[in-house]
Protein backbone atom coordinates (compact mmCIF):
# COMPACT_ATOMS: atom_id res chain seq x y z
CA MET A 1 -2.86 -4.63 -12.22
CA GLN A 2 -0.05 -4.08 -13.75
CA TYR A 3 3.72 -7.33 -13.51
CA ILE A 4 6.81 -6.01 -14.14
CA ARG A 5 10.29 -8.21 -13.89
CA ILE A 6 13.03 -6.00 -13.00
CA GLU A 7 17.29 -7.74 -13.59
CA LEU A 8 18.85 -6.08 -10.95
CA PRO A 9 22.63 -6.75 -11.44
CA HIS A 10 25.51 -7.35 -8.99
CA THR A 11 28.07 -4.28 -8.26
CA LYS A 12 30.41 -3.61 -5.26
CA GLY A 13 27.82 -1.58 -3.69
CA GLY A 14 25.30 -4.28 -3.74
CA LEU A 15 22.31 -4.46 -6.44
CA LYS A 16 21.72 -1.58 -8.75
CA TYR A 17 18.05 -0.04 -9.33
CA PRO A 18 17.00 1.58 -12.73
CA GLU A 19 17.40 5.25 -12.81
CA GLY A 20 13.78 6.53 -11.89
CA TYR A 21 12.75 3.57 -9.76
CA SER A 22 11.86 5.48 -6.25
CA ASP A 23 9.76 7.56 -8.06
CA LEU A 24 7.97 4.18 -9.28
CA GLU A 25 7.75 3.33 -5.74
CA HIS A 26 5.10 5.17 -4.28
CA PHE A 27 3.35 2.98 -6.79
CA ILE A 28 3.99 -0.32 -6.17
CA LYS A 29 1.39 -2.74 -4.40
CA ASP A 30 3.70 -5.62 -4.04
CA HIS A 31 7.05 -6.67 -4.20
CA LEU A 32 9.41 -10.22 -4.11
CA TYR A 33 12.86 -10.08 -4.60
CA VAL A 34 14.18 -13.41 -6.56
CA ASP A 35 17.22 -15.28 -6.21
CA ASP A 36 17.33 -16.96 -9.72
CA ALA A 37 20.36 -20.15 -9.61
CA GLU A 38 19.81 -20.56 -13.25
CA THR A 39 20.62 -17.45 -13.96
CA ASP A 40 22.58 -16.63 -11.40
CA LYS A 41 20.58 -12.98 -11.00
CA THR A 42 18.94 -11.47 -9.11
CA TYR A 43 15.08 -10.22 -9.78
CA LEU A 44 12.69 -8.10 -8.30
CA CYS A 45 9.34 -9.13 -9.58
CA LEU A 46 6.33 -6.32 -8.79
CA THR A 47 3.06 -5.67 -9.31
CA ILE A 48 2.42 -1.65 -10.26
CA LYS A 49 -1.23 -0.03 -9.45
CA ASP A 50 -3.24 0.27 -12.91
CA GLY A 51 -2.62 3.92 -14.62
CA VAL A 52 1.26 4.18 -14.22
CA ASP A 53 3.09 3.69 -16.86
CA HIS A 54 6.13 2.51 -15.69
CA LYS A 55 7.94 2.81 -18.91
CA VAL A 56 7.34 6.50 -18.52
CA VAL A 57 9.17 6.70 -15.10
CA LEU A 58 12.02 3.48 -15.90
CA GLY A 59 12.36 4.33 -19.41
CA ASN A 60 11.90 2.05 -22.00
CA LEU A 61 14.66 -0.39 -19.99
CA GLU A 62 16.61 -3.87 -21.53
CA ASN A 63 15.69 -5.34 -17.93
CA VAL A 64 12.83 -4.18 -17.79
CA THR A 65 10.11 -7.55 -18.07
CA GLU A 66 6.07 -6.76 -18.60
CA MET A 67 4.43 -10.15 -17.88
CA THR A 68 0.83 -11.10 -17.57
CA LYS A 69 -0.36 -11.62 -13.69
CA HIS A 70 -0.13 -15.83 -14.91
CA GLU A 71 3.10 -14.98 -16.29
CA MET A 72 4.58 -13.45 -13.15
CA VAL A 73 2.21 -16.50 -10.94
CA GLU A 74 4.51 -18.86 -13.37
CA TYR A 75 7.88 -17.39 -12.99
CA CYS A 76 7.58 -17.28 -8.51
CA GLU A 77 5.66 -20.20 -7.49
CA PRO A 78 8.81 -22.12 -7.59
CA HIS A 79 11.54 -19.41 -6.01
CA GLU A 80 9.41 -18.40 -2.95
CA GLU A 81 8.57 -21.01 0.10
CA LYS A 82 5.74 -22.22 2.18
CA ARG A 83 6.96 -20.12 5.30
CA GLU A 84 4.97 -21.01 8.91
CA THR A 85 3.87 -18.04 11.31
CA ILE A 86 2.30 -18.33 14.67
CA THR A 87 -1.68 -16.96 13.71
CA ASP A 88 -2.56 -16.91 17.83
CA GLU A 89 0.74 -17.04 20.36
CA ALA A 90 -2.06 -17.03 23.68
CA LYS A 91 -3.48 -21.07 22.05
CA VAL A 92 -0.01 -21.77 20.64
CA ARG A 93 1.57 -20.95 24.63
CA ARG A 94 -1.34 -22.48 26.06
CA LEU A 95 -0.68 -25.47 23.74
CA ALA A 96 2.91 -26.26 25.08
CA ILE A 97 2.58 -25.77 28.61
CA LYS A 98 -0.69 -28.16 27.91
CA ALA A 99 2.56 -31.00 26.22
CA GLN A 100 5.00 -30.38 29.01
CA LEU A 101 2.35 -31.28 31.66
CA GLY A 102 1.61 -34.53 29.77
CA GLN A 103 -1.81 -33.20 28.92
CA PRO A 104 -3.47 -35.07 25.54
CA PHE A 105 -4.79 -31.98 23.40
CA THR A 106 -8.37 -31.50 22.11
CA THR A 107 -9.41 -32.08 18.46
CA GLU A 108 -9.51 -28.52 18.29
CA GLU A 109 -6.27 -27.90 19.80
CA LEU A 110 -5.13 -30.53 17.19
CA LYS A 111 -6.29 -28.36 14.48
CA ALA A 112 -4.33 -25.24 15.39
CA LEU A 113 -1.10 -27.33 15.27
CA ASP A 114 -1.77 -27.89 12.18
CA PRO A 115 -0.65 -25.16 9.27
CA GLU A 116 -2.91 -26.13 6.69
CA ASP A 117 -5.86 -26.17 9.00
CA GLU A 118 -7.83 -22.21 9.52
CA THR A 119 -8.15 -22.67 12.52
CA PRO A 120 -6.13 -20.40 14.91
CA GLY A 121 -2.61 -21.42 16.13
CA PHE A 122 -0.38 -22.00 13.06
CA GLY A 123 -0.79 -20.68 9.57
CA TYR A 124 1.16 -19.87 6.47
CA THR A 125 2.37 -16.14 5.52
CA LYS A 126 0.85 -15.06 2.67
CA ARG A 127 3.28 -15.39 -0.32
CA PHE A 128 3.25 -13.03 -3.05
CA ILE A 129 1.92 -14.91 -5.61
CA ASP A 130 -1.23 -15.27 -3.40
CA ARG A 131 -1.07 -11.82 -2.87
CA ILE A 132 -1.42 -10.90 -6.32
């Protein structure tokens, strides 16, 4: 897997992608947009399938940085929050009804309310750094 970070300049029309980016899109495995407050710039972090030379597609651009997996994780981690998600909607609805009726939760139901627990109910979406 290849890891690259592309600086995307802001223009009146939005973000400016490098020429050739549309040809690279087919080889992108995953991505994350980062608004970096320290540099006041926007970056697009990409994982690209092996066997594709992004330099051939994009050219040797100054705004493209090759990174190792470790460097990519270290850069992206502070910019990406954990987000709660519902992993079992039916169970969450049953728990809401039970709470409205004032009924106590079982140990298993309490686990479902804890996003840190693997029990279906609430959980966290996978972050970019977890997917690479």
